[in-house]
Amino acid sequence: MRKAVIYIIAIVVLVLTGVIYYKYYFVFGKGVKSGYLNYVVEKGYIFKTYEGKLIQEGFNRGQTGAGFQSNEFEFSIANESVFNQLQLNSGKFFDLHYVEYHGKLPWRGNTVYVVDSVINIKEKER
């Protein structure tokens, strides 16, 4: 009886570990987003995180009367060096590499999208 309880507890711990890893640490997707940097900020009460927003321009589909739209990409920033690079070039056009998780953690940021590097920076087109 005692061995059965130990096996059940071990299985529950293993399953819980797997679920937590899959939800919070498994990289669900990777990609690149491009657009104009709207803002970057450092915020948080206990865990200070870096957050930002990218404005992506494009043509709107599916709605009548509106041919141009603006899509927003809200993201968290992985480290201070990427944050500083974005902050010093605010308002420019960026190509940002990001990873996507299933869940967010308070010390990682407020979104499931985490930008880990800047691929390209361009001046604003006039």
Protein backbone atom coordinates (compact mmCIF):
# COMPACT_ATOMS: atom_id res chain seq x y z
CA MET A 1 0.00 0.00 0.00
CA ARG A 2 2.79 2.40 0.89
CA LYS A 3 4.59 1.75 -2.44
CA ALA A 4 1.39 2.52 -4.36
CA VAL A 5 1.05 5.89 -2.60
CA ILE A 6 4.68 6.74 -3.38
CA TYR A 7 4.20 5.81 -7.05
CA ILE A 8 1.02 7.89 -7.29
CA ILE A 9 2.72 10.90 -5.69
CA ALA A 10 5.72 10.51 -8.04
CA ILE A 11 3.44 10.34 -11.08
CA VAL A 12 1.44 13.39 -9.95
CA VAL A 13 4.68 15.36 -9.40
CA LEU A 14 6.00 14.35 -12.84
CA VAL A 15 2.75 15.27 -14.57
CA LEU A 16 2.57 18.60 -12.74
CA THR A 17 6.18 19.37 -13.67
CA GLY A 18 5.43 18.58 -17.31
CA VAL A 19 2.32 20.77 -17.35
CA ILE A 20 4.13 23.71 -15.74
CA TYR A 21 7.04 23.38 -18.18
CA TYR A 22 4.68 23.21 -21.18
CA LYS A 23 2.58 26.17 -20.01
CA TYR A 24 5.33 28.57 -18.95
CA TYR A 25 8.71 27.53 -20.40
CA PHE A 26 8.04 25.67 -23.67
CA VAL A 27 8.63 28.00 -26.63
CA PHE A 28 5.39 27.73 -28.60
CA GLY A 29 6.55 29.84 -31.54
CA LYS A 30 9.29 32.11 -32.86
CA GLY A 31 9.03 34.88 -35.39
CA VAL A 32 9.73 38.41 -36.54
CA LYS A 33 7.39 41.39 -36.30
CA SER A 34 8.00 44.68 -38.09
CA GLY A 35 6.59 48.11 -37.40
CA TYR A 36 7.08 51.50 -35.81
CA LEU A 37 7.97 51.55 -32.14
CA ASN A 38 5.19 53.26 -30.21
CA TYR A 39 6.68 53.02 -26.72
CA VAL A 40 8.93 51.06 -24.37
CA VAL A 41 8.62 51.27 -20.59
CA GLU A 42 9.95 49.69 -17.43
CA LYS A 43 7.14 48.92 -15.02
CA GLY A 44 5.99 46.69 -12.20
CA TYR A 45 5.53 46.75 -8.46
CA ILE A 46 7.55 43.73 -7.36
CA PHE A 47 9.03 42.42 -10.60
CA LYS A 48 10.33 45.21 -12.83
CA THR A 49 9.78 44.22 -16.46
CA TYR A 50 10.29 45.92 -19.79
CA GLU A 51 7.23 46.29 -22.00
CA GLY A 52 6.69 47.78 -25.44
CA LYS A 53 4.28 48.29 -28.29
CA LEU A 54 4.90 48.12 -32.03
CA ILE A 55 2.49 49.67 -34.54
CA GLN A 56 2.14 47.55 -37.69
CA GLU A 57 0.55 49.18 -40.69
CA GLY A 58 -1.38 47.35 -43.34
CA PHE A 59 -4.51 47.05 -45.39
CA ASN A 60 -7.70 46.08 -43.63
CA ARG A 61 -9.70 43.12 -44.89
CA GLY A 62 -13.24 42.14 -44.13
CA GLN A 63 -14.59 45.53 -43.06
CA THR A 64 -16.38 47.81 -45.48
CA GLY A 65 -15.45 51.45 -45.57
CA ALA A 66 -12.08 51.08 -43.85
CA GLY A 67 -9.19 50.40 -46.19
CA PHE A 68 -6.26 51.14 -43.89
CA GLN A 69 -5.73 49.86 -40.39
CA SER A 70 -3.15 49.90 -37.65
CA ASN A 71 -2.29 46.68 -35.82
CA GLU A 72 -0.64 46.80 -32.43
CA PHE A 73 1.87 44.22 -31.22
CA GLU A 74 2.36 44.40 -27.45
CA PHE A 75 5.40 42.59 -26.15
CA SER A 76 7.72 42.09 -23.20
CA ILE A 77 11.47 42.55 -23.53
CA ALA A 78 13.91 39.84 -22.49
CA ASN A 79 16.81 41.93 -21.20
CA GLU A 80 18.01 45.43 -20.45
CA SER A 81 20.34 45.71 -23.45
CA VAL A 82 17.46 45.19 -25.91
CA PHE A 83 15.37 47.66 -23.89
CA ASN A 84 18.13 50.29 -24.07
CA GLN A 85 18.53 49.78 -27.83
CA LEU A 86 14.78 50.26 -28.36
CA GLN A 87 14.62 53.23 -26.01
CA LEU A 88 17.44 55.07 -27.79
CA ASN A 89 15.77 54.61 -31.20
CA SER A 90 12.15 55.36 -30.28
CA GLY A 91 9.83 56.11 -33.20
CA LYS A 92 11.90 54.26 -35.79
CA PHE A 93 10.91 51.22 -37.86
CA PHE A 94 12.04 47.95 -36.26
CA ASP A 95 12.27 44.28 -37.17
CA LEU A 96 12.06 42.46 -33.82
CA HIS A 97 12.68 38.76 -33.18
CA TYR A 98 10.36 37.29 -30.55
CA VAL A 99 9.44 34.01 -28.89
CA GLU A 100 5.93 33.06 -27.83
CA TYR A 101 4.96 31.08 -24.73
CA HIS A 102 1.61 29.60 -23.70
CA GLY A 103 1.50 31.50 -20.40
CA LYS A 104 3.02 34.59 -18.86
CA LEU A 105 5.15 34.77 -15.74
CA PRO A 106 5.32 37.92 -13.57
CA TRP A 107 9.13 38.18 -13.77
CA ARG A 108 9.17 37.64 -17.54
CA GLY A 109 6.62 40.31 -18.47
CA ASN A 110 2.96 41.09 -19.00
CA THR A 111 2.56 39.30 -22.34
CA VAL A 112 3.23 35.88 -23.83
CA TYR A 113 5.39 37.52 -26.54
CA VAL A 114 8.99 38.16 -25.45
CA VAL A 115 11.32 40.12 -27.74
CA ASP A 116 14.86 38.80 -27.42
CA SER A 117 16.70 40.71 -30.15
CA VAL A 118 16.53 43.57 -32.63
CA ILE A 119 17.16 42.41 -36.19
CA ASN A 120 17.00 45.72 -38.05
CA ILE A 121 16.39 49.43 -37.41
CA LYS A 122 15.31 51.89 -40.13
CA GLU A 123 14.70 55.61 -40.06
CA LYS A 124 11.11 56.80 -40.29
CA GLU A 125 9.96 57.15 -43.90
CA ARG A 126 8.72 60.60 -44.76
